[in-house]
Amino acid sequence: MSQTLQLREYQREAIDAVQAAWADGMQRPAVVLPTGAGKTVIFSRMASEHIAAEGTRVVILVHRDELADQTLNKLKQTEPGLFTGKVKASADNVAADVMVCSVQTLAREKRFNRLVDSQEKCGKVGLVIVDECHHAAAVSYRNILAGLGCYSGMPGTRAVGFTATMARGDGQGLGSVWEDAVYTRSPLWMMSRGHLVDVQSKLIDVDTLHLGDVKKSRGDYTASSLGDALMEAGGPQIIAKVLEEHAAGRRSPIVFTPTVEVARATAEALPDAAYVHGGTPREERLNIYRRFRTGEVRTLVNCMVLTEGADFPFADCAVIARPTKSEPLFIQMVGRVLRPSPATGKQDALVLILAGEGGSLCTLVDLEPGAEIREVKDGETLAEAYEREESYKDEVVPAGSLRFELKHRDLDLFKASAAYSWLRTHGGIQFIPLGDNGEILLWPSREETEKWDVAYAPARGTWERLHEGLDLGMAMAWAETEAMDRSALNMTKSAAWRKKPASPKLVGLLRYAGHTVPDGIRAGLASDLYAVTIASRKLDRFLPRTSGV
C-alpha cells in the first residue's frame, strides 16, 4: 500500500507558500481556504514534511474538544506513518511526534506545563499548526503560542494558521498573531474547479421578528436575546413553513439556531427532524448524525455545534435561523452545505436566511468580499451574480480568469480532479483505468453511509480493499495515489499519448465491442471508451440492483 497521499495542486501550492514564507523569515504565516478545501490534508502533509526536514515535533491546535478526534482520524488517513496522539480531556499523549491538542485543555496551566516539560525527553516542539486560526486573537491561544516560542522570532518555533476567514466576529484584529495570509483561495475559485458546489439564497422576511430590539455584543446579536425574539416571533413554526415552501425538493437541510430552546422547538415543529447542541452527549450526537446520513432524520437542527468541523457533504440546504452580522460565523454556517456529493446527485446548495425588521445581516455577498459583488438576487447563484456583475465591465473574458473558469466549470468533482481521468461504468462505478493492470475504483463503505472504500481490481484475480471508510475527497486522493503506483501506463489527463491518433488495434477493439468510431479519434478518448466497456462488464455485475455509485 502506498504511504504518500497525492495532493491536489492547490494543496501543494499552499504548503510551498508557507515554507517559502518561513524561509524568508516570517514566523507566523496564515492560509485562507474555504470549508471543503481539505485544510486537514494540507497541514497533515506539512507536519510530516516538517518532521522529516527539521526533526522536531508538531502541535496541532484545534478550537474545541470534539474536533480533536476528527482531526486525529484525518491525520491517520492522510499520513499513516506518523506517530500521532491527542491532548484533550483524559488523553495526554505528550510523547507523540504530532500532538492534536484542544485549546480548552492546554489553557489549563498544569496540562500546558506537562506538554512543555515533555520536550526534555521526547524532543522539541518546532511547529505549531492552528486550525480555525481566526480564533487565535483570544488570550488562551496567544498564551499557548507564546509559551511554545512562536513569538520569539526566527529561528524559533514556527507557526501557521488555517482558516476559512481571517476576520473575527468581534472585529478584533489578527495582525498581532498572524503576520500575513500567504496563500488564499476563495469560495468562487473552489466552485470554478468543482471542489465546491454553487450556492443560491433567499431572504425570508419575518414581519414579527424585530432585530432592531435584539441586544448586541461585539458587533453581533447576542444568542440569548435573539433566541427570545425568535420564540416571540413564532420562529420554529415559520422555519417549518419556510422549509415546506422553499426546500421541499432538498434532501438534507441543516437548520442553525441561536439557542437550545429554539432548536428543540424547531425540531418538534418539523417531521423527521432531530436537534443537537453543545450539551448533547457524544454517543447520542453521533447516533443522530448516523441517522441523518442514512436519511432516517431528514432535517438536522443545531444550536451552534455544526459551524466548524462537521462533514455532511450530502446536505444541500442551510436555514440561517440565527441571523448574524458576523462574516466569519456566516461563512462557517454556509460552508456546511457547499461540499460536493456526486453520489447523491447534488448540483448546488440553497441557503434560506431569516431576516427581520430593523437590523442588518450577512448574505451571500459576504462569502466573496474581494469579488465586489454588490447583490445576489433571489434565485441567482453566487457564481451567476459574479458573472453578471463582471459582464458590466467588459466583454473580454481571458482564458484562465475566474470568470472564464466559472463559465466553463464542470460540476462533477471527478471530472474536476486535477490529475487523473476518472471514468464511470454504465452502472455508475467511478474508477481510474490502469491499462493492462486493471482498475482502481471507489466502492460504498461497508461501515458507514456517505463513506467510501478504495479498491483495486486487477486484470485477473480477487479485488483488494486498499483504504476503507473515507470521505469522498480523501478516497479520491488515495485512489489517485494508488493509481500512480500501480498503473502500467501514465493515465493522467496530461499524458502525451492521449493526444496521439488511436492505434488501428484499439479502433478495431472498439468496433468489435459495438462502438461507432469516428475517423481520426484520439488515443485518449478511444482508450477511455474501451476502459468503460471492459470495466462495466467486469464490475457492474457486483452492484446491488437498486443502487449506483
Protein backbone atom coordinates (compact mmCIF):
# COMPACT_ATOMS: atom_id res chain seq x y z
CA MET A 1 0.00 0.00 0.00
CA SER A 2 1.28 3.46 -0.90
CA GLN A 3 2.15 5.70 2.06
CA THR A 4 2.18 9.16 0.45
CA LEU A 5 -1.15 10.70 -0.41
CA GLN A 6 -1.43 12.54 -3.73
CA LEU A 7 -2.29 16.19 -3.01
CA ARG A 8 -4.41 18.45 -5.16
CA GLU A 9 -2.39 21.11 -6.96
CA TYR A 10 -3.56 23.99 -4.78
CA GLN A 11 -2.86 21.98 -1.61
CA ARG A 12 0.76 21.59 -2.68
CA GLU A 13 0.90 25.28 -3.58
CA ALA A 14 -0.34 26.22 -0.09
CA ILE A 15 2.41 24.18 1.58
CA ASP A 16 5.07 25.65 -0.70
CA ALA A 17 3.85 29.18 0.04
CA VAL A 18 4.09 28.64 3.79
CA GLN A 19 7.54 27.06 3.57
CA ALA A 20 8.72 29.98 1.41
CA ALA A 21 7.40 32.44 4.00
CA TRP A 22 9.30 30.66 6.77
CA ALA A 23 12.45 30.68 4.63
CA ASP A 24 12.05 34.46 4.23
CA GLY A 25 11.96 34.92 8.00
CA MET A 26 8.21 35.09 8.61
CA GLN A 27 7.40 33.13 11.77
CA ARG A 28 3.58 33.06 11.73
CA PRO A 29 2.05 32.97 8.20
CA ALA A 30 -1.57 32.02 7.57
CA VAL A 31 -3.51 30.15 4.87
CA VAL A 32 -7.09 31.08 3.97
CA LEU A 33 -9.10 28.34 2.25
CA PRO A 34 -12.86 27.74 2.14
CA THR A 35 -14.55 24.93 4.01
CA GLY A 36 -14.17 21.78 1.94
CA ALA A 37 -10.71 22.62 0.58
CA GLY A 38 -9.03 19.90 2.63
CA LYS A 39 -7.18 22.02 5.16
CA THR A 40 -6.56 18.98 7.37
CA VAL A 41 -4.92 17.16 4.47
CA ILE A 42 -2.64 20.14 3.90
CA PHE A 43 -1.43 20.51 7.44
CA SER A 44 -1.09 16.74 7.83
CA ARG A 45 1.43 16.74 4.97
CA MET A 46 3.02 19.89 6.36
CA ALA A 47 3.57 18.17 9.70
CA SER A 48 5.10 15.13 8.01
CA GLU A 49 7.47 17.22 5.90
CA HIS A 50 8.47 19.32 8.91
CA ILE A 51 9.41 16.27 10.96
CA ALA A 52 11.40 14.82 8.05
CA ALA A 53 13.26 18.08 7.38
CA GLU A 54 13.67 19.57 10.86
CA GLY A 55 13.49 16.58 13.21
CA THR A 56 11.31 18.45 15.72
CA ARG A 57 7.78 17.68 16.82
CA VAL A 58 4.46 19.28 15.88
CA VAL A 59 1.48 20.59 17.85
CA ILE A 60 -1.89 20.98 16.09
CA LEU A 61 -4.26 23.26 18.00
CA VAL A 62 -8.00 22.77 17.50
CA HIS A 63 -10.74 25.05 18.74
CA ARG A 64 -12.93 22.52 20.55
CA ASP A 65 -12.50 19.13 22.23
CA GLU A 66 -14.78 17.35 19.75
CA LEU A 67 -12.62 18.48 16.80
CA ALA A 68 -9.56 16.70 18.18
CA ASP A 69 -10.81 13.20 17.37
CA GLN A 70 -11.90 14.23 13.90
CA THR A 71 -8.52 15.84 13.17
CA LEU A 72 -6.62 12.86 14.54
CA ASN A 73 -8.63 10.49 12.35
CA LYS A 74 -7.85 12.58 9.24
CA LEU A 75 -4.16 12.63 10.21
CA LYS A 76 -4.07 8.84 10.34
CA GLN A 77 -5.83 8.59 6.97
CA THR A 78 -3.54 11.13 5.30
CA GLU A 79 -0.19 10.30 6.88
CA PRO A 80 -0.47 6.76 8.32
CA GLY A 81 3.27 6.63 9.04
CA LEU A 82 3.22 9.43 11.62
CA PHE A 83 3.37 8.80 15.38
CA THR A 84 0.26 10.75 16.42
CA GLY A 85 -1.57 11.34 19.67
CA LYS A 86 -4.03 13.72 21.28
CA VAL A 87 -4.03 16.01 24.27
CA LYS A 88 -7.57 16.64 25.39
CA ALA A 89 -9.59 15.78 28.49
CA SER A 90 -8.25 12.45 29.84
CA ALA A 91 -5.99 11.81 26.81
CA ASP A 92 -2.45 13.06 27.40
CA ASN A 93 -0.21 11.71 24.62
CA VAL A 94 2.53 14.31 25.04
CA ALA A 95 5.19 11.89 23.73
CA ALA A 96 3.78 11.75 20.19
CA ASP A 97 5.58 13.33 17.25
CA VAL A 98 2.34 15.05 16.20
CA MET A 99 0.03 16.06 19.04
CA VAL A 100 -3.55 17.15 18.30
CA CYS A 101 -4.34 19.43 21.21
CA SER A 102 -7.54 21.06 22.37
CA VAL A 103 -7.08 24.71 23.25
CA GLN A 104 -9.55 24.18 26.08
CA THR A 105 -7.23 21.56 27.57
CA LEU A 106 -3.94 23.43 27.05
CA ALA A 107 -5.45 26.57 28.54
CA ARG A 108 -5.09 24.79 31.90
CA GLU A 109 -1.68 25.61 33.31
CA LYS A 110 -0.98 22.11 34.60
CA ARG A 111 -1.73 20.44 31.24
CA PHE A 112 0.25 23.01 29.28
CA ASN A 113 3.27 22.61 31.56
CA ARG A 114 3.19 18.82 31.03
CA LEU A 115 3.45 19.38 27.28
CA VAL A 116 6.27 21.91 27.67
CA ASP A 117 8.16 19.61 30.05
CA SER A 118 7.80 16.68 27.63
CA GLN A 119 10.26 18.42 25.29
CA GLU A 120 13.18 17.42 27.52
CA LYS A 121 12.63 13.67 26.98
CA CYS A 122 10.58 13.48 23.78
CA GLY A 123 12.04 16.28 21.66
CA LYS A 124 11.40 19.93 20.98
CA VAL A 125 8.18 21.25 19.50
CA GLY A 126 9.29 23.08 16.36
CA LEU A 127 5.97 23.75 14.64
CA VAL A 128 2.53 24.80 15.87
CA ILE A 129 -0.36 24.46 13.39
CA VAL A 130 -3.54 26.29 14.35
CA ASP A 131 -6.84 25.16 12.86
CA GLU A 132 -9.67 27.73 12.63
CA CYS A 133 -6.99 30.32 13.36
CA HIS A 134 -9.40 33.27 13.30
CA HIS A 135 -9.91 32.40 16.98
CA ALA A 136 -6.23 32.92 17.75
CA ALA A 137 -6.53 36.51 18.96
CA ALA A 138 -8.05 35.08 22.14
CA VAL A 139 -5.82 35.19 25.22
CA SER A 140 -5.80 31.38 25.53
CA TYR A 141 -4.31 30.99 22.04
CA ARG A 142 -1.78 33.77 22.46
CA ASN A 143 -0.55 32.30 25.74
CA ILE A 144 -0.08 28.87 24.20
CA LEU A 145 1.72 30.23 21.14
CA ALA A 146 3.95 32.42 23.28
CA GLY A 147 4.70 29.59 25.71
CA LEU A 148 5.85 27.38 22.83
CA GLY A 149 8.16 30.08 21.45
CA CYS A 150 6.12 31.25 18.46
CA TYR A 151 6.75 34.94 19.24
CA SER A 152 10.48 34.72 19.83
CA GLY A 153 11.45 35.48 16.25
CA MET A 154 13.18 33.25 13.72
CA PRO A 155 14.85 30.90 14.20
CA GLY A 156 12.26 29.92 16.75
CA THR A 157 9.17 27.78 16.85
CA ARG A 158 7.35 28.08 13.55
CA ALA A 159 3.60 28.57 13.43
CA VAL A 160 0.98 28.55 10.70
CA GLY A 161 -2.74 29.20 10.85
CA PHE A 162 -5.54 27.77 8.69
CA THR A 163 -9.00 29.28 8.38
CA ALA A 164 -11.87 29.94 6.01
CA THR A 165 -11.86 33.61 7.05
CA MET A 166 -9.27 35.87 8.61
CA ALA A 167 -11.92 38.12 10.14
CA ARG A 168 -13.19 37.76 13.69
CA GLY A 169 -16.80 38.16 14.67
CA ASP A 170 -15.95 40.71 17.35
CA GLY A 171 -13.91 42.85 14.97
CA GLN A 172 -10.68 42.28 16.89
CA GLY A 173 -7.67 42.36 14.59
CA LEU A 174 -5.45 39.36 13.90
CA GLY A 175 -2.35 41.29 12.94
CA SER A 176 -0.79 40.70 16.35
CA VAL A 177 -0.99 36.93 15.76
CA TRP A 178 -0.67 36.24 12.02
CA GLU A 179 1.80 38.27 10.02
CA ASP A 180 0.29 37.70 6.57
CA ALA A 181 -2.05 35.42 4.63
CA VAL A 182 0.50 33.88 2.26
CA TYR A 183 -1.94 31.68 0.33
CA THR A 184 -5.61 32.31 -0.33
CA ARG A 185 -8.29 30.66 -2.44
CA SER A 186 -11.86 31.95 -2.43
CA PRO A 187 -15.18 30.04 -2.50
CA LEU A 188 -15.77 31.16 -6.09
CA TRP A 189 -12.36 29.84 -7.11
CA MET A 190 -13.17 26.48 -5.49
CA MET A 191 -16.56 26.43 -7.23
CA SER A 192 -14.92 27.15 -10.59
CA ARG A 193 -12.81 23.99 -10.19
CA GLY A 194 -15.68 21.79 -8.99
CA HIS A 195 -14.33 21.45 -5.45
CA LEU A 196 -17.39 23.25 -4.01
CA VAL A 197 -20.92 23.46 -5.37
CA ASP A 198 -22.51 26.75 -6.36
CA VAL A 199 -25.00 28.30 -3.95
CA GLN A 200 -28.17 30.34 -4.16
CA SER A 201 -30.09 32.02 -1.37
CA LYS A 202 -33.40 33.53 -0.43
CA LEU A 203 -34.03 36.17 2.20
CA ILE A 204 -37.13 35.34 4.22
CA ASP A 205 -38.72 38.47 5.65
CA VAL A 206 -40.21 37.69 9.06
CA ASP A 207 -42.53 40.59 9.92
CA THR A 208 -42.81 39.55 13.56
CA LEU A 209 -39.03 39.43 14.11
CA HIS A 210 -37.73 42.81 15.25
CA LEU A 211 -33.94 42.65 15.03
CA GLY A 212 -33.65 46.30 15.99
CA ASP A 213 -34.70 45.35 19.52
CA VAL A 214 -32.24 42.46 19.85
CA LYS A 215 -29.25 43.12 22.11
CA LYS A 216 -25.79 43.19 20.55
CA SER A 217 -22.33 42.34 21.82
CA ARG A 218 -19.01 42.53 19.98
CA GLY A 219 -20.72 43.52 16.77
CA ASP A 220 -23.30 40.74 16.58
CA TYR A 221 -26.69 39.83 18.02
CA THR A 222 -26.44 38.04 21.35
CA ALA A 223 -27.65 34.45 21.19
CA SER A 224 -30.00 34.66 24.18
CA SER A 225 -31.70 37.89 23.09
CA LEU A 226 -32.01 36.64 19.50
CA GLY A 227 -33.44 33.35 20.76
CA ASP A 228 -36.09 35.16 22.81
CA ALA A 229 -37.02 37.31 19.80
CA LEU A 230 -37.34 34.24 17.56
CA MET A 231 -39.57 32.43 20.03
CA GLU A 232 -41.79 35.52 20.39
CA ALA A 233 -41.99 35.78 16.59
CA GLY A 234 -43.07 32.15 16.22
CA GLY A 235 -39.73 31.25 14.67
CA PRO A 236 -39.99 27.43 14.88
CA GLN A 237 -43.32 27.38 13.03
CA ILE A 238 -42.01 29.90 10.48
CA ILE A 239 -38.92 27.73 9.85
CA ALA A 240 -41.15 24.70 9.26
CA LYS A 241 -43.25 26.68 6.77
CA VAL A 242 -40.15 28.06 5.02
CA LEU A 243 -38.73 24.57 4.54
CA GLU A 244 -42.05 23.30 3.21
CA GLU A 245 -42.38 26.17 0.72
CA HIS A 246 -38.80 26.59 -0.46
CA ALA A 247 -36.91 23.35 0.25
CA ALA A 248 -39.39 20.54 -0.35
CA GLY A 249 -37.09 19.07 -3.01
CA ARG A 250 -33.95 19.30 -0.89
CA ARG A 251 -32.55 16.06 0.52
CA SER A 252 -31.00 17.08 3.84
CA PRO A 253 -31.48 20.58 5.29
CA ILE A 254 -29.42 21.83 8.23
CA VAL A 255 -31.00 24.48 10.46
CA PHE A 256 -28.84 26.84 12.56
CA THR A 257 -30.46 28.33 15.67
CA PRO A 258 -29.16 30.68 18.38
CA THR A 259 -30.39 28.77 21.45
CA VAL A 260 -31.22 25.25 22.56
CA GLU A 261 -34.82 26.33 23.18
CA VAL A 262 -35.26 27.40 19.55
CA ALA A 263 -33.51 24.23 18.31
CA ARG A 264 -35.78 21.97 20.37
CA ALA A 265 -38.97 23.77 19.37
CA THR A 266 -37.95 23.79 15.69
CA ALA A 267 -37.24 20.05 15.67
CA GLU A 268 -40.64 19.44 17.27
CA ALA A 269 -42.32 21.53 14.56
CA LEU A 270 -40.74 19.51 11.74
CA PRO A 271 -41.39 15.95 10.57
CA ASP A 272 -38.38 13.59 10.61
CA ALA A 273 -36.14 16.07 12.43
CA ALA A 274 -33.67 15.90 15.31
CA TYR A 275 -31.65 18.53 17.14
CA VAL A 276 -28.19 18.68 18.70
CA HIS A 277 -26.43 21.23 20.88
CA GLY A 278 -23.26 21.56 22.92
CA GLY A 279 -24.77 19.63 25.82
CA THR A 280 -25.93 16.65 23.76
CA PRO A 281 -24.00 13.57 24.98
CA ARG A 282 -21.40 12.43 22.48
CA GLU A 283 -22.92 8.99 21.80
CA GLU A 284 -26.39 10.48 21.31
CA ARG A 285 -24.97 13.11 18.97
CA LEU A 286 -23.12 10.51 16.89
CA ASN A 287 -26.29 8.44 16.66
CA ILE A 288 -28.24 11.46 15.40
CA TYR A 289 -25.51 12.13 12.83
CA ARG A 290 -25.72 8.50 11.71
CA ARG A 291 -29.50 8.74 11.28
CA PHE A 292 -29.04 12.00 9.35
CA ARG A 293 -26.60 10.30 6.98
CA THR A 294 -28.95 7.38 6.36
CA GLY A 295 -31.96 9.67 5.79
CA GLU A 296 -33.89 8.48 8.83
CA VAL A 297 -33.54 12.08 10.04
CA ARG A 298 -34.24 14.44 7.14
CA THR A 299 -33.61 17.78 8.88
CA LEU A 300 -30.81 18.34 11.37
CA VAL A 301 -31.42 21.28 13.70
CA ASN A 302 -28.49 22.50 15.74
CA CYS A 303 -27.56 25.16 18.22
CA MET A 304 -24.13 26.27 17.01
CA VAL A 305 -22.35 22.90 17.07
CA LEU A 306 -22.10 22.45 13.29
CA THR A 307 -20.39 25.73 12.43
CA GLU A 308 -16.93 24.13 12.41
CA GLY A 309 -15.72 20.63 11.65
CA ALA A 310 -18.99 18.96 10.63
CA ASP A 311 -18.80 16.89 7.47
CA PHE A 312 -22.11 16.15 5.74
CA PRO A 313 -21.40 16.56 2.00
CA PHE A 314 -24.89 15.37 1.04
CA ALA A 315 -26.52 18.26 2.95
CA ASP A 316 -27.87 20.65 0.32
CA CYS A 317 -29.77 23.32 2.24
CA ALA A 318 -28.92 25.60 5.16
CA VAL A 319 -31.52 27.57 7.08
CA ILE A 320 -29.85 30.51 8.83
CA ALA A 321 -32.32 30.88 11.68
CA ARG A 322 -29.52 32.54 13.59
CA PRO A 323 -29.36 35.88 11.71
CA THR A 324 -25.87 37.28 12.12
CA LYS A 325 -23.79 40.37 11.38
CA SER A 326 -20.61 38.27 11.79
CA GLU A 327 -18.96 37.42 8.49
CA PRO A 328 -16.87 34.55 9.94
CA LEU A 329 -19.91 32.92 11.54
CA PHE A 330 -21.96 33.27 8.37
CA ILE A 331 -19.17 31.76 6.26
CA GLN A 332 -18.86 28.82 8.64
CA MET A 333 -22.60 28.12 8.58
CA VAL A 334 -22.97 28.30 4.81
CA GLY A 335 -19.80 26.27 4.36
CA ARG A 336 -21.53 23.23 5.87
CA VAL A 337 -23.58 22.74 2.67
CA LEU A 338 -21.05 23.62 -0.04
CA ARG A 339 -19.21 20.29 -0.25
CA PRO A 340 -19.93 18.29 -3.42
CA SER A 341 -21.65 14.91 -3.23
CA PRO A 342 -21.69 13.21 -6.64
CA ALA A 343 -23.18 10.05 -5.12
CA THR A 344 -26.40 11.90 -4.30
CA GLY A 345 -26.52 13.96 -7.49
CA LYS A 346 -26.09 17.21 -5.57
CA GLN A 347 -25.65 20.10 -8.02
CA ASP A 348 -25.88 23.16 -5.79
CA ALA A 349 -26.85 24.38 -2.34
CA LEU A 350 -29.71 26.55 -1.11
CA VAL A 351 -29.36 28.98 1.80
CA LEU A 352 -32.53 30.35 3.39
CA ILE A 353 -31.81 33.38 5.57
CA LEU A 354 -34.35 34.58 8.14
CA ALA A 355 -34.42 38.36 8.15
CA GLY A 356 -36.27 40.70 10.48
CA GLU A 357 -37.05 44.38 10.66
CA GLY A 358 -34.62 47.00 11.90
CA GLY A 359 -31.37 45.08 11.58
CA SER A 360 -28.59 44.28 9.15
CA LEU A 361 -27.17 40.83 8.50
CA CYS A 362 -24.78 38.86 6.33
CA THR A 363 -25.82 37.47 2.94
CA LEU A 364 -24.11 35.52 0.15
CA VAL A 365 -22.24 38.69 -0.82
CA ASP A 366 -20.14 38.18 2.32
CA LEU A 367 -18.85 34.82 1.08
CA GLU A 368 -16.74 36.59 -1.53
CA PRO A 369 -15.92 40.12 -0.29
CA GLY A 370 -12.94 40.51 -2.61
CA ALA A 371 -15.07 39.97 -5.71
CA GLU A 372 -17.03 43.18 -5.08
CA ILE A 373 -20.40 41.57 -5.72
CA ARG A 374 -23.00 44.15 -4.79
CA GLU A 375 -26.05 41.88 -4.77
CA VAL A 376 -27.04 38.26 -5.17
CA LYS A 377 -30.65 38.25 -6.32
CA ASP A 378 -33.22 35.72 -5.17
CA GLY A 379 -32.96 32.63 -7.34
CA GLU A 380 -29.50 33.66 -8.56
CA THR A 381 -26.41 31.69 -7.58
CA LEU A 382 -23.22 33.29 -6.27
CA ALA A 383 -21.39 32.39 -9.50
CA GLU A 384 -24.20 33.83 -11.64
CA ALA A 385 -24.12 37.08 -9.65
CA TYR A 386 -20.37 37.34 -10.15
CA GLU A 387 -20.65 36.68 -13.89
CA ARG A 388 -23.49 39.21 -14.20
CA GLU A 389 -21.58 41.98 -12.45
CA GLU A 390 -18.34 41.19 -14.29
CA SER A 391 -20.16 41.39 -17.63
CA TYR A 392 -20.77 45.10 -16.99
CA LYS A 393 -17.03 45.79 -17.01
CA ASP A 394 -16.04 44.42 -20.43
CA GLU A 395 -16.82 41.59 -22.82
CA VAL A 396 -13.30 40.18 -23.00
CA VAL A 397 -13.06 37.07 -20.84
CA PRO A 398 -9.44 35.87 -20.87
CA ALA A 399 -8.85 32.11 -20.61
CA GLY A 400 -7.79 31.14 -17.11
CA SER A 401 -9.58 34.05 -15.42
CA LEU A 402 -12.06 33.33 -12.64
CA ARG A 403 -14.95 34.43 -14.83
CA PHE A 404 -13.79 32.10 -17.64
CA GLU A 405 -13.39 29.16 -15.27
CA LEU A 406 -16.82 29.73 -13.74
CA LYS A 407 -18.43 29.96 -17.16
CA HIS A 408 -16.87 26.65 -18.20
CA ARG A 409 -16.93 24.89 -14.86
CA ASP A 410 -17.88 21.25 -14.58
CA LEU A 411 -19.97 20.39 -11.54
CA ASP A 412 -18.72 16.79 -11.50
CA LEU A 413 -15.98 16.62 -8.86
CA PHE A 414 -14.49 13.55 -10.53
CA LYS A 415 -14.04 15.40 -13.82
CA ALA A 416 -12.57 18.34 -11.90
CA SER A 417 -9.85 16.13 -10.44
CA ALA A 418 -6.55 17.82 -11.12
CA ALA A 419 -4.51 14.81 -12.25
CA TYR A 420 -6.43 11.76 -13.36
CA SER A 421 -9.13 10.99 -15.87
CA TRP A 422 -11.87 9.47 -13.76
CA LEU A 423 -14.33 7.29 -15.64
CA ARG A 424 -17.75 5.87 -14.78
CA THR A 425 -19.07 2.42 -15.64
CA HIS A 426 -22.56 2.04 -17.12
CA GLY A 427 -23.75 1.13 -13.62
CA GLY A 428 -22.19 4.27 -12.09
CA ILE A 429 -18.97 2.96 -10.52
CA GLN A 430 -16.23 5.60 -10.52
CA PHE A 431 -12.82 4.21 -11.47
CA ILE A 432 -9.36 5.01 -12.82
CA PRO A 433 -8.15 2.63 -15.55
CA LEU A 434 -4.67 1.15 -15.10
CA GLY A 435 -4.12 -0.05 -18.64
CA ASP A 436 -3.39 -3.78 -18.59
CA ASN A 437 -3.22 -3.78 -14.78
CA GLY A 438 -6.96 -3.44 -14.07
CA GLU A 439 -8.74 -0.61 -12.24
CA ILE A 440 -8.68 1.43 -9.06
CA LEU A 441 -12.28 2.08 -8.02
CA LEU A 442 -14.45 3.62 -5.32
CA TRP A 443 -16.99 1.42 -3.57
CA PRO A 444 -19.54 2.36 -0.88
CA SER A 445 -18.08 1.65 2.53
CA ARG A 446 -19.32 -1.33 4.49
CA GLU A 447 -19.02 0.69 7.68
CA GLU A 448 -20.84 3.98 7.17
CA THR A 449 -23.18 5.74 4.76
CA GLU A 450 -21.54 8.50 2.69
CA LYS A 451 -18.11 6.91 3.22
CA TRP A 452 -16.04 5.20 0.56
CA ASP A 453 -13.53 2.39 0.19
CA VAL A 454 -10.71 2.45 -2.34
CA ALA A 455 -10.36 -0.93 -4.06
CA TYR A 456 -8.01 -2.48 -6.58
CA ALA A 457 -9.50 -4.79 -9.22
CA PRO A 458 -6.59 -6.46 -11.02
CA ALA A 459 -6.95 -7.65 -14.60
CA ARG A 460 -7.25 -11.15 -13.17
CA GLY A 461 -7.81 -12.28 -9.63
CA THR A 462 -9.56 -11.06 -6.50
CA TRP A 463 -10.36 -7.47 -5.57
CA GLU A 464 -8.40 -5.89 -2.74
CA ARG A 465 -9.71 -3.12 -0.48
CA LEU A 466 -6.79 -0.73 -0.01
CA HIS A 467 -8.37 2.04 2.14
CA GLU A 468 -11.70 1.95 3.95
CA GLY A 469 -14.25 4.35 5.44
CA LEU A 470 -13.02 7.59 3.84
CA ASP A 471 -14.90 10.72 2.87
CA LEU A 472 -15.13 11.34 -0.86
CA GLY A 473 -12.25 13.80 -1.22
CA MET A 474 -9.87 11.61 0.79
CA ALA A 475 -10.96 8.50 -1.13
CA MET A 476 -10.31 10.22 -4.46
CA ALA A 477 -6.88 11.37 -3.32
CA TRP A 478 -5.86 7.90 -2.18
CA ALA A 479 -7.28 6.35 -5.37
CA GLU A 480 -5.12 8.67 -7.48
CA THR A 481 -2.10 7.86 -5.34
CA GLU A 482 -2.68 4.13 -5.75
CA ALA A 483 -3.21 4.57 -9.50
CA MET A 484 0.16 6.30 -9.76
CA ASP A 485 1.85 3.33 -8.07
CA ARG A 486 0.02 0.54 -9.93
CA SER A 487 -0.60 1.80 -13.45
CA ALA A 488 1.23 0.18 -16.37
CA LEU A 489 0.95 3.48 -18.27
CA ASN A 490 0.78 7.19 -17.49
CA MET A 491 -3.01 7.58 -17.02
CA THR A 492 -3.04 11.26 -16.08
CA LYS A 493 -5.09 13.75 -18.09
CA SER A 494 -1.96 15.43 -19.46
CA ALA A 495 -0.22 12.25 -20.68
CA ALA A 496 1.25 12.90 -24.14
CA TRP A 497 -0.05 9.62 -25.61
CA ARG A 498 -3.66 10.76 -25.12
CA LYS A 499 -3.31 13.37 -27.88
CA LYS A 500 -1.96 10.93 -30.49
CA PRO A 501 -4.19 9.13 -33.01
CA ALA A 502 -5.67 5.88 -31.72
CA SER A 503 -3.94 2.74 -32.96
CA PRO A 504 -5.69 0.52 -35.53
CA LYS A 505 -5.77 -2.27 -32.94
CA LEU A 506 -7.63 -0.10 -30.40
CA VAL A 507 -10.05 1.16 -33.06
CA GLY A 508 -10.74 -2.46 -34.05
CA LEU A 509 -11.42 -3.46 -30.44
CA LEU A 510 -13.89 -0.60 -30.04
CA ARG A 511 -15.76 -1.52 -33.20
CA TYR A 512 -15.85 -5.16 -32.16
CA ALA A 513 -17.38 -4.03 -28.86
CA GLY A 514 -20.17 -2.25 -30.79
CA HIS A 515 -18.91 1.35 -30.76
CA THR A 516 -19.20 3.67 -33.73
CA VAL A 517 -15.70 5.07 -34.02
CA PRO A 518 -15.14 8.37 -35.90
CA ASP A 519 -12.13 8.75 -38.16
CA GLY A 520 -9.13 10.35 -36.50
CA ILE A 521 -10.24 9.56 -32.94
CA ARG A 522 -7.57 10.40 -30.35
CA ALA A 523 -5.94 7.68 -28.30
CA GLY A 524 -7.13 9.20 -25.02
CA LEU A 525 -10.82 9.17 -25.90
CA ALA A 526 -10.58 5.76 -27.54
CA SER A 527 -8.81 4.33 -24.50
CA ASP A 528 -11.46 5.77 -22.17
CA LEU A 529 -14.29 4.29 -24.23
CA TYR A 530 -12.68 0.87 -24.21
CA ALA A 531 -11.87 1.07 -20.48
CA VAL A 532 -15.54 1.87 -19.68
CA THR A 533 -16.68 -1.07 -21.81
CA ILE A 534 -14.35 -3.52 -20.07
CA ALA A 535 -14.91 -2.15 -16.55
CA SER A 536 -18.70 -2.16 -16.95
CA ARG A 537 -18.69 -5.84 -17.90
CA LYS A 538 -16.29 -6.64 -15.10
CA LEU A 539 -17.57 -4.52 -12.20
CA ASP A 540 -21.26 -3.74 -12.68
CA ARG A 541 -22.39 -7.31 -12.03
CA PHE A 542 -21.40 -6.82 -8.39
CA LEU A 543 -23.65 -3.78 -7.92
CA PRO A 544 -26.90 -4.12 -5.93
CA ARG A 545 -29.76 -3.93 -8.40
CA THR A 546 -31.32 -0.86 -6.78
CA SER A 547 -28.25 1.33 -6.35
CA GLY A 548 -25.41 3.02 -8.15
CA VAL A 549 -22.18 4.55 -7.01
